[in-house]
Amino acid sequence: MQENLLIGFIVIWVALVLGSVMLFQRGKDVARKRKLWPIYTVFSNVVIGGFIVYMQPPTMWMMAILVLLVPLTLLTIRLNQIL
């Protein structure tokens, strides 16, 4: 069971990386990139949070990680708006 979960996580992670490269490293449309960045960031962190919940770590660890994901997401989006 854990091996299947790990393989699924790796496959989804690679898909997110490839999607990121295709969306943000190629092309020259800065306005489009700025529009899609918050959506991509929230989506990728929701996927990571979903895997954390699905893996069912101890409750305190799970809550701490999920609580840390929220400000990390917001700061990542804000940093993109500043730069």
N, C-alpha and C. Protein backbone atom coordinates (compact mmCIF):
# COMPACT_ATOMS: atom_id res chain seq x y z
N MET A 1 0.83 -1.20 0.00
CA MET A 1 0.00 0.00 0.00
C MET A 1 0.87 1.26 0.00
N GLN A 2 1.86 1.31 0.88
CA GLN A 2 2.72 2.50 0.96
C GLN A 2 3.53 2.69 -0.32
N GLU A 3 3.96 1.57 -0.97
CA GLU A 3 4.71 1.70 -2.21
C GLU A 3 3.85 2.30 -3.30
N ASN A 4 2.58 1.89 -3.38
CA ASN A 4 1.67 2.46 -4.38
C ASN A 4 1.44 3.94 -4.13
N LEU A 5 1.33 4.31 -2.88
CA LEU A 5 1.16 5.72 -2.53
C LEU A 5 2.38 6.52 -2.93
N LEU A 6 3.56 5.98 -2.66
CA LEU A 6 4.79 6.67 -3.02
C LEU A 6 4.92 6.81 -4.53
N ILE A 7 4.61 5.76 -5.26
CA ILE A 7 4.66 5.82 -6.73
C ILE A 7 3.67 6.85 -7.24
N GLY A 8 2.46 6.86 -6.71
CA GLY A 8 1.46 7.85 -7.11
C GLY A 8 1.92 9.26 -6.81
N PHE A 9 2.52 9.47 -5.66
CA PHE A 9 3.01 10.79 -5.30
C PHE A 9 4.11 11.23 -6.25
N ILE A 10 5.02 10.33 -6.58
CA ILE A 10 6.12 10.67 -7.50
C ILE A 10 5.57 11.00 -8.89
N VAL A 11 4.61 10.22 -9.37
CA VAL A 11 4.02 10.48 -10.69
C VAL A 11 3.33 11.84 -10.72
N ILE A 12 2.56 12.15 -9.69
CA ILE A 12 1.88 13.44 -9.65
C ILE A 12 2.88 14.58 -9.49
N TRP A 13 3.91 14.38 -8.70
CA TRP A 13 4.95 15.41 -8.51
C TRP A 13 5.65 15.71 -9.84
N VAL A 14 6.00 14.65 -10.58
CA VAL A 14 6.64 14.84 -11.89
C VAL A 14 5.69 15.56 -12.85
N ALA A 15 4.41 15.23 -12.81
CA ALA A 15 3.44 15.92 -13.65
C ALA A 15 3.35 17.40 -13.28
N LEU A 16 3.39 17.72 -11.99
CA LEU A 16 3.38 19.12 -11.57
C LEU A 16 4.63 19.85 -12.03
N VAL A 17 5.77 19.19 -11.96
CA VAL A 17 7.03 19.80 -12.42
C VAL A 17 6.97 20.05 -13.93
N LEU A 18 6.53 19.06 -14.68
CA LEU A 18 6.43 19.23 -16.13
C LEU A 18 5.43 20.33 -16.49
N GLY A 19 4.32 20.36 -15.79
CA GLY A 19 3.34 21.43 -16.02
C GLY A 19 3.92 22.80 -15.71
N SER A 20 4.68 22.87 -14.64
CA SER A 20 5.32 24.13 -14.27
C SER A 20 6.31 24.58 -15.33
N VAL A 21 7.12 23.66 -15.81
CA VAL A 21 8.10 24.01 -16.85
C VAL A 21 7.37 24.47 -18.11
N MET A 22 6.33 23.76 -18.49
CA MET A 22 5.60 24.12 -19.71
C MET A 22 4.90 25.47 -19.56
N LEU A 23 4.38 25.76 -18.38
CA LEU A 23 3.65 27.01 -18.19
C LEU A 23 4.56 28.21 -17.95
N PHE A 24 5.61 28.02 -17.15
CA PHE A 24 6.35 29.18 -16.66
C PHE A 24 7.75 29.35 -17.25
N GLN A 25 8.32 28.32 -17.81
CA GLN A 25 9.65 28.45 -18.39
C GLN A 25 9.61 28.73 -19.88
N ARG A 26 8.53 28.37 -20.51
CA ARG A 26 8.38 28.59 -21.94
C ARG A 26 7.42 29.75 -22.17
N GLY A 27 7.55 30.37 -23.28
CA GLY A 27 6.65 31.47 -23.60
C GLY A 27 7.13 32.78 -23.01
N LYS A 28 6.57 33.84 -23.54
CA LYS A 28 7.00 35.17 -23.12
C LYS A 28 5.86 36.03 -22.58
N ASP A 29 4.70 35.44 -22.43
CA ASP A 29 3.53 36.19 -21.97
C ASP A 29 3.55 36.31 -20.44
N VAL A 30 4.10 37.42 -19.96
CA VAL A 30 4.27 37.62 -18.52
C VAL A 30 2.92 37.75 -17.82
N ALA A 31 1.98 38.42 -18.45
CA ALA A 31 0.66 38.60 -17.83
C ALA A 31 -0.02 37.25 -17.60
N ARG A 32 0.11 36.36 -18.56
CA ARG A 32 -0.49 35.03 -18.42
C ARG A 32 0.18 34.25 -17.30
N LYS A 33 1.51 34.35 -17.22
CA LYS A 33 2.24 33.66 -16.16
C LYS A 33 1.83 34.18 -14.80
N ARG A 34 1.69 35.48 -14.66
CA ARG A 34 1.28 36.05 -13.36
C ARG A 34 -0.14 35.66 -13.00
N LYS A 35 -0.99 35.49 -14.00
CA LYS A 35 -2.37 35.09 -13.74
C LYS A 35 -2.44 33.62 -13.31
N LEU A 36 -1.63 32.77 -13.94
CA LEU A 36 -1.68 31.34 -13.65
C LEU A 36 -0.89 30.93 -12.40
N TRP A 37 0.08 31.74 -11.98
CA TRP A 37 0.93 31.37 -10.85
C TRP A 37 0.14 31.10 -9.56
N PRO A 38 -0.77 31.99 -9.14
CA PRO A 38 -1.52 31.69 -7.89
C PRO A 38 -2.35 30.42 -8.01
N ILE A 39 -2.95 30.19 -9.16
CA ILE A 39 -3.76 28.98 -9.36
C ILE A 39 -2.88 27.74 -9.26
N TYR A 40 -1.74 27.78 -9.91
CA TYR A 40 -0.81 26.64 -9.89
C TYR A 40 -0.29 26.40 -8.47
N THR A 41 0.06 27.46 -7.77
CA THR A 41 0.60 27.33 -6.42
C THR A 41 -0.43 26.72 -5.47
N VAL A 42 -1.65 27.21 -5.51
CA VAL A 42 -2.70 26.67 -4.64
C VAL A 42 -2.98 25.21 -5.00
N PHE A 43 -3.08 24.92 -6.29
CA PHE A 43 -3.36 23.55 -6.72
C PHE A 43 -2.27 22.59 -6.25
N SER A 44 -1.01 22.95 -6.46
CA SER A 44 0.08 22.05 -6.07
C SER A 44 0.12 21.85 -4.56
N ASN A 45 -0.15 22.89 -3.78
CA ASN A 45 -0.14 22.73 -2.33
C ASN A 45 -1.36 21.96 -1.83
N VAL A 46 -2.48 22.05 -2.52
CA VAL A 46 -3.64 21.23 -2.16
C VAL A 46 -3.34 19.76 -2.43
N VAL A 47 -2.65 19.48 -3.54
CA VAL A 47 -2.26 18.10 -3.84
C VAL A 47 -1.32 17.57 -2.76
N ILE A 48 -0.34 18.36 -2.38
CA ILE A 48 0.59 17.94 -1.33
C ILE A 48 -0.16 17.74 -0.02
N GLY A 49 -1.06 18.65 0.32
CA GLY A 49 -1.86 18.51 1.54
C GLY A 49 -2.74 17.27 1.50
N GLY A 50 -3.29 16.98 0.34
CA GLY A 50 -4.10 15.77 0.19
C GLY A 50 -3.30 14.51 0.45
N PHE A 51 -2.09 14.46 -0.06
CA PHE A 51 -1.23 13.31 0.20
C PHE A 51 -0.88 13.21 1.67
N ILE A 52 -0.65 14.34 2.31
CA ILE A 52 -0.32 14.31 3.74
C ILE A 52 -1.49 13.75 4.53
N VAL A 53 -2.69 14.19 4.22
CA VAL A 53 -3.88 13.69 4.92
C VAL A 53 -4.08 12.20 4.64
N TYR A 54 -3.88 11.81 3.38
CA TYR A 54 -4.08 10.41 3.00
C TYR A 54 -3.08 9.48 3.67
N MET A 55 -1.87 9.95 3.89
CA MET A 55 -0.84 9.12 4.54
C MET A 55 -1.10 8.95 6.02
N GLN A 56 -1.93 9.78 6.61
CA GLN A 56 -2.35 9.69 8.00
C GLN A 56 -1.17 9.64 8.98
N PRO A 57 -0.35 10.69 8.99
CA PRO A 57 0.69 10.74 10.02
C PRO A 57 0.03 11.04 11.37
N PRO A 58 0.79 11.03 12.45
CA PRO A 58 0.20 11.41 13.74
C PRO A 58 -0.50 12.77 13.63
N THR A 59 -1.59 12.92 14.32
CA THR A 59 -2.45 14.09 14.17
C THR A 59 -1.72 15.41 14.38
N MET A 60 -0.86 15.49 15.37
CA MET A 60 -0.15 16.74 15.63
C MET A 60 0.79 17.09 14.48
N TRP A 61 1.48 16.08 13.93
CA TRP A 61 2.37 16.33 12.78
C TRP A 61 1.57 16.79 11.58
N MET A 62 0.44 16.10 11.33
CA MET A 62 -0.39 16.44 10.19
C MET A 62 -0.91 17.87 10.30
N MET A 63 -1.40 18.23 11.45
CA MET A 63 -1.93 19.59 11.63
C MET A 63 -0.82 20.63 11.48
N ALA A 64 0.36 20.35 12.03
CA ALA A 64 1.47 21.30 11.93
C ALA A 64 1.88 21.50 10.47
N ILE A 65 1.98 20.43 9.72
CA ILE A 65 2.37 20.54 8.31
C ILE A 65 1.31 21.29 7.52
N LEU A 66 0.06 20.94 7.74
CA LEU A 66 -1.02 21.60 6.99
C LEU A 66 -1.12 23.08 7.35
N VAL A 67 -0.91 23.41 8.62
CA VAL A 67 -0.95 24.82 9.04
C VAL A 67 0.21 25.59 8.41
N LEU A 68 1.36 24.96 8.28
CA LEU A 68 2.52 25.62 7.66
C LEU A 68 2.35 25.77 6.15
N LEU A 69 1.56 24.93 5.52
CA LEU A 69 1.34 25.05 4.08
C LEU A 69 0.59 26.33 3.71
N VAL A 70 -0.29 26.78 4.57
CA VAL A 70 -1.10 27.97 4.25
C VAL A 70 -0.24 29.22 4.13
N PRO A 71 0.56 29.59 5.15
CA PRO A 71 1.39 30.79 4.97
C PRO A 71 2.45 30.61 3.89
N LEU A 72 2.95 29.40 3.72
CA LEU A 72 3.92 29.15 2.65
C LEU A 72 3.30 29.43 1.29
N THR A 73 2.08 29.01 1.09
CA THR A 73 1.37 29.28 -0.17
C THR A 73 1.16 30.77 -0.36
N LEU A 74 0.69 31.45 0.67
CA LEU A 74 0.43 32.88 0.56
C LEU A 74 1.70 33.68 0.30
N LEU A 75 2.79 33.30 0.98
CA LEU A 75 4.05 34.01 0.77
C LEU A 75 4.61 33.76 -0.62
N THR A 76 4.44 32.56 -1.14
CA THR A 76 4.90 32.26 -2.48
C THR A 76 4.14 33.08 -3.51
N ILE A 77 2.84 33.20 -3.35
CA ILE A 77 2.03 34.00 -4.27
C ILE A 77 2.41 35.47 -4.15
N ARG A 78 2.58 35.95 -2.94
CA ARG A 78 2.92 37.36 -2.74
C ARG A 78 4.30 37.70 -3.31
N LEU A 79 5.26 36.80 -3.13
CA LEU A 79 6.59 37.03 -3.67
C LEU A 79 6.55 37.18 -5.18
N ASN A 80 5.71 36.40 -5.82
CA ASN A 80 5.57 36.49 -7.28
C ASN A 80 4.99 37.84 -7.69
N GLN A 81 4.10 38.40 -6.91
CA GLN A 81 3.50 39.68 -7.24
C GLN A 81 4.49 40.82 -7.05
N ILE A 82 5.42 40.67 -6.11
CA ILE A 82 6.41 41.71 -5.86
C ILE A 82 7.46 41.74 -6.95
N LEU A 83 7.91 40.54 -7.35
CA LEU A 83 8.98 40.46 -8.35
C LEU A 83 8.46 40.77 -9.68
